[in-house]
Amino acid sequence: MTVKTTLSFTDRHHQFLSEKVGQGVFATQSAAVAAALEQMMQDEQERDVALGALAHEIRARMETPREAFIDHDDAFAAARRTIGVARGA
């Protein structure tokens, strides 16, 4: 279903839309706005998935017993060695 609506744009946004339609990137200004909305919806969905995964990881790490923690010197030792080799140290 298509719904007709009225939108207002700044001169800058209107010029950009007109240029993209003129270049053939989009068939109409409506198509350009629809593509922008679809991208926003996809970005929001991806952000929600990423935040959910991050929250899950934080919860999992909070349940890790202290004796299972890795010392920060041990955790970064390999990276420090690699950096040292790269620097010629």
N, C-alpha and C. Protein backbone atom coordinates (compact mmCIF):
# COMPACT_ATOMS: atom_id res chain seq x y z
N MET A 1 0.84 -1.17 0.00
CA MET A 1 0.00 0.00 0.00
C MET A 1 0.89 1.24 0.00
N THR A 2 0.52 2.21 -0.76
CA THR A 2 1.24 3.48 -0.82
C THR A 2 0.39 4.55 -0.17
N VAL A 3 1.02 5.38 0.64
CA VAL A 3 0.33 6.46 1.34
C VAL A 3 0.92 7.77 0.85
N LYS A 4 0.07 8.69 0.50
CA LYS A 4 0.53 10.01 0.08
C LYS A 4 0.69 10.88 1.30
N THR A 5 1.81 11.62 1.34
CA THR A 5 2.06 12.52 2.46
C THR A 5 2.80 13.74 1.93
N THR A 6 2.86 14.75 2.74
CA THR A 6 3.58 15.96 2.38
C THR A 6 4.79 16.09 3.30
N LEU A 7 5.94 16.30 2.71
CA LEU A 7 7.17 16.46 3.49
C LEU A 7 7.80 17.81 3.15
N SER A 8 8.49 18.37 4.10
CA SER A 8 9.21 19.62 3.88
C SER A 8 10.69 19.35 4.04
N PHE A 9 11.49 19.95 3.15
CA PHE A 9 12.94 19.76 3.18
C PHE A 9 13.63 21.11 3.19
N THR A 10 14.84 21.12 3.71
CA THR A 10 15.66 22.32 3.59
C THR A 10 16.07 22.45 2.13
N ASP A 11 16.52 23.62 1.75
CA ASP A 11 16.99 23.81 0.37
C ASP A 11 18.11 22.82 0.04
N ARG A 12 18.98 22.61 0.99
CA ARG A 12 20.12 21.70 0.80
C ARG A 12 19.63 20.28 0.52
N HIS A 13 18.68 19.81 1.32
CA HIS A 13 18.16 18.46 1.13
C HIS A 13 17.40 18.33 -0.19
N HIS A 14 16.62 19.35 -0.51
CA HIS A 14 15.86 19.32 -1.76
C HIS A 14 16.80 19.29 -2.96
N GLN A 15 17.85 20.08 -2.90
CA GLN A 15 18.83 20.11 -4.00
C GLN A 15 19.49 18.74 -4.14
N PHE A 16 19.87 18.14 -3.03
CA PHE A 16 20.50 16.82 -3.06
C PHE A 16 19.57 15.79 -3.69
N LEU A 17 18.30 15.77 -3.24
CA LEU A 17 17.33 14.84 -3.82
C LEU A 17 17.17 15.06 -5.32
N SER A 18 17.06 16.31 -5.70
CA SER A 18 16.88 16.64 -7.13
C SER A 18 18.09 16.19 -7.93
N GLU A 19 19.28 16.37 -7.41
CA GLU A 19 20.50 15.95 -8.11
C GLU A 19 20.53 14.44 -8.28
N LYS A 20 20.18 13.70 -7.22
CA LYS A 20 20.20 12.23 -7.30
C LYS A 20 19.18 11.72 -8.31
N VAL A 21 18.01 12.34 -8.36
CA VAL A 21 17.01 11.96 -9.36
C VAL A 21 17.52 12.32 -10.74
N GLY A 22 18.12 13.50 -10.88
CA GLY A 22 18.66 13.93 -12.17
C GLY A 22 19.78 13.03 -12.67
N GLN A 23 20.56 12.49 -11.74
CA GLN A 23 21.66 11.58 -12.09
C GLN A 23 21.17 10.17 -12.38
N GLY A 24 19.91 9.93 -12.13
CA GLY A 24 19.35 8.61 -12.36
C GLY A 24 19.60 7.62 -11.23
N VAL A 25 20.09 8.11 -10.10
CA VAL A 25 20.31 7.23 -8.95
C VAL A 25 18.98 6.73 -8.42
N PHE A 26 17.99 7.60 -8.42
CA PHE A 26 16.63 7.25 -7.99
C PHE A 26 15.66 7.72 -9.07
N ALA A 27 14.56 6.99 -9.20
CA ALA A 27 13.57 7.35 -10.21
C ALA A 27 12.82 8.63 -9.84
N THR A 28 12.56 8.78 -8.53
CA THR A 28 11.81 9.94 -8.05
C THR A 28 12.37 10.36 -6.69
N GLN A 29 11.98 11.54 -6.26
CA GLN A 29 12.37 11.97 -4.92
C GLN A 29 11.73 11.08 -3.87
N SER A 30 10.54 10.62 -4.12
CA SER A 30 9.88 9.70 -3.19
C SER A 30 10.68 8.41 -3.04
N ALA A 31 11.21 7.91 -4.16
CA ALA A 31 12.02 6.68 -4.11
C ALA A 31 13.29 6.91 -3.28
N ALA A 32 13.87 8.10 -3.40
CA ALA A 32 15.07 8.41 -2.62
C ALA A 32 14.76 8.46 -1.13
N VAL A 33 13.65 9.09 -0.78
CA VAL A 33 13.25 9.17 0.63
C VAL A 33 12.93 7.77 1.16
N ALA A 34 12.26 6.96 0.36
CA ALA A 34 11.94 5.60 0.77
C ALA A 34 13.22 4.80 1.01
N ALA A 35 14.21 4.96 0.13
CA ALA A 35 15.49 4.25 0.30
C ALA A 35 16.19 4.70 1.58
N ALA A 36 16.13 6.00 1.87
CA ALA A 36 16.74 6.52 3.10
C ALA A 36 16.04 5.94 4.33
N LEU A 37 14.72 5.86 4.29
CA LEU A 37 13.97 5.29 5.41
C LEU A 37 14.28 3.80 5.59
N GLU A 38 14.38 3.07 4.49
CA GLU A 38 14.73 1.65 4.57
C GLU A 38 16.11 1.49 5.21
N GLN A 39 17.06 2.36 4.83
CA GLN A 39 18.40 2.28 5.41
C GLN A 39 18.36 2.58 6.90
N MET A 40 17.57 3.58 7.28
CA MET A 40 17.42 3.89 8.71
C MET A 40 16.83 2.71 9.48
N MET A 41 15.84 2.06 8.89
CA MET A 41 15.22 0.91 9.54
C MET A 41 16.22 -0.24 9.69
N GLN A 42 17.00 -0.47 8.65
CA GLN A 42 18.02 -1.53 8.71
C GLN A 42 19.08 -1.19 9.75
N ASP A 43 19.53 0.07 9.77
CA ASP A 43 20.53 0.50 10.75
C ASP A 43 20.02 0.29 12.17
N GLU A 44 18.76 0.62 12.40
CA GLU A 44 18.17 0.47 13.73
C GLU A 44 18.09 -1.00 14.12
N GLN A 45 17.71 -1.84 13.18
CA GLN A 45 17.63 -3.28 13.46
C GLN A 45 19.02 -3.84 13.77
N GLU A 46 20.03 -3.46 12.99
CA GLU A 46 21.39 -3.92 13.22
C GLU A 46 21.92 -3.42 14.56
N ARG A 47 21.59 -2.20 14.92
CA ARG A 47 22.01 -1.63 16.20
C ARG A 47 21.38 -2.41 17.35
N ASP A 48 20.09 -2.74 17.20
CA ASP A 48 19.41 -3.52 18.24
C ASP A 48 20.05 -4.90 18.41
N VAL A 49 20.40 -5.54 17.30
CA VAL A 49 21.05 -6.85 17.37
C VAL A 49 22.41 -6.71 18.06
N ALA A 50 23.19 -5.70 17.68
CA ALA A 50 24.51 -5.50 18.27
C ALA A 50 24.41 -5.21 19.76
N LEU A 51 23.47 -4.37 20.15
CA LEU A 51 23.31 -4.06 21.57
C LEU A 51 22.85 -5.27 22.36
N GLY A 52 21.99 -6.08 21.76
CA GLY A 52 21.56 -7.32 22.42
C GLY A 52 22.71 -8.28 22.62
N ALA A 53 23.56 -8.40 21.61
CA ALA A 53 24.73 -9.28 21.73
C ALA A 53 25.70 -8.75 22.78
N LEU A 54 25.87 -7.44 22.82
CA LEU A 54 26.76 -6.84 23.81
C LEU A 54 26.21 -7.06 25.22
N ALA A 55 24.91 -6.88 25.40
CA ALA A 55 24.29 -7.10 26.71
C ALA A 55 24.45 -8.57 27.13
N HIS A 56 24.27 -9.48 26.18
CA HIS A 56 24.45 -10.90 26.48
C HIS A 56 25.88 -11.19 26.91
N GLU A 57 26.85 -10.62 26.21
CA GLU A 57 28.26 -10.84 26.54
C GLU A 57 28.59 -10.27 27.92
N ILE A 58 28.07 -9.11 28.23
CA ILE A 58 28.30 -8.50 29.55
C ILE A 58 27.73 -9.40 30.64
N ARG A 59 26.51 -9.87 30.43
CA ARG A 59 25.90 -10.77 31.43
C ARG A 59 26.73 -12.03 31.62
N ALA A 60 27.19 -12.61 30.52
CA ALA A 60 27.99 -13.83 30.59
C ALA A 60 29.29 -13.57 31.34
N ARG A 61 29.92 -12.44 31.07
CA ARG A 61 31.18 -12.13 31.75
C ARG A 61 30.97 -11.84 33.23
N MET A 62 29.82 -11.27 33.57
CA MET A 62 29.53 -10.99 34.98
C MET A 62 29.36 -12.29 35.76
N GLU A 63 28.99 -13.36 35.08
CA GLU A 63 28.81 -14.66 35.72
C GLU A 63 30.12 -15.45 35.80
N THR A 64 31.18 -14.95 35.19
CA THR A 64 32.47 -15.63 35.20
C THR A 64 33.09 -15.51 36.59
N PRO A 65 33.48 -16.64 37.19
CA PRO A 65 34.09 -16.55 38.51
C PRO A 65 35.46 -15.87 38.45
N ARG A 66 35.82 -15.18 39.51
CA ARG A 66 37.08 -14.43 39.54
C ARG A 66 38.29 -15.30 39.22
N GLU A 67 38.28 -16.55 39.67
CA GLU A 67 39.45 -17.41 39.43
C GLU A 67 39.63 -17.74 37.94
N ALA A 68 38.60 -17.49 37.13
CA ALA A 68 38.70 -17.73 35.69
C ALA A 68 39.17 -16.49 34.94
N PHE A 69 39.33 -15.37 35.65
CA PHE A 69 39.79 -14.14 35.01
C PHE A 69 41.21 -14.34 34.49
N ILE A 70 41.55 -13.64 33.45
CA ILE A 70 42.89 -13.68 32.87
C ILE A 70 43.60 -12.39 33.25
N ASP A 71 44.81 -12.51 33.73
CA ASP A 71 45.61 -11.35 34.08
C ASP A 71 45.84 -10.49 32.84
N HIS A 72 45.72 -9.18 32.99
CA HIS A 72 45.84 -8.31 31.81
C HIS A 72 47.21 -8.40 31.16
N ASP A 73 48.27 -8.63 31.94
CA ASP A 73 49.60 -8.78 31.34
C ASP A 73 49.65 -10.02 30.45
N ASP A 74 49.04 -11.11 30.91
CA ASP A 74 49.00 -12.33 30.09
C ASP A 74 48.12 -12.14 28.86
N ALA A 75 47.02 -11.45 29.03
CA ALA A 75 46.08 -11.26 27.93
C ALA A 75 46.69 -10.48 26.77
N PHE A 76 47.56 -9.52 27.08
CA PHE A 76 48.13 -8.67 26.03
C PHE A 76 49.58 -9.00 25.71
N ALA A 77 50.12 -10.05 26.30
CA ALA A 77 51.53 -10.40 26.08
C ALA A 77 51.82 -10.68 24.61
N ALA A 78 50.98 -11.46 23.96
CA ALA A 78 51.21 -11.80 22.54
C ALA A 78 51.16 -10.55 21.67
N ALA A 79 50.22 -9.67 21.95
CA ALA A 79 50.12 -8.43 21.17
C ALA A 79 51.36 -7.56 21.38
N ARG A 80 51.84 -7.49 22.62
CA ARG A 80 53.04 -6.69 22.90
C ARG A 80 54.26 -7.27 22.18
N ARG A 81 54.36 -8.60 22.14
CA ARG A 81 55.47 -9.23 21.43
C ARG A 81 55.40 -8.90 19.94
N THR A 82 54.21 -9.00 19.38
CA THR A 82 54.03 -8.70 17.95
C THR A 82 54.40 -7.26 17.63
N ILE A 83 53.96 -6.34 18.48
CA ILE A 83 54.29 -4.92 18.30
C ILE A 83 55.79 -4.72 18.42
N GLY A 84 56.39 -5.37 19.41
CA GLY A 84 57.84 -5.24 19.60
C GLY A 84 58.60 -5.73 18.38
N VAL A 85 58.20 -6.85 17.81
CA VAL A 85 58.85 -7.38 16.60
C VAL A 85 58.67 -6.41 15.45
N ALA A 86 57.48 -5.87 15.31
CA ALA A 86 57.20 -4.93 14.22
C ALA A 86 58.04 -3.66 14.34
N ARG A 87 58.31 -3.26 15.58
CA ARG A 87 59.11 -2.05 15.80
C ARG A 87 60.61 -2.34 15.78
N GLY A 88 60.95 -3.61 15.66
CA GLY A 88 62.36 -3.98 15.61
C GLY A 88 63.00 -4.07 16.98
N ALA A 89 62.21 -4.18 18.01
CA ALA A 89 62.75 -4.24 19.37
C ALA A 89 63.17 -5.65 19.73
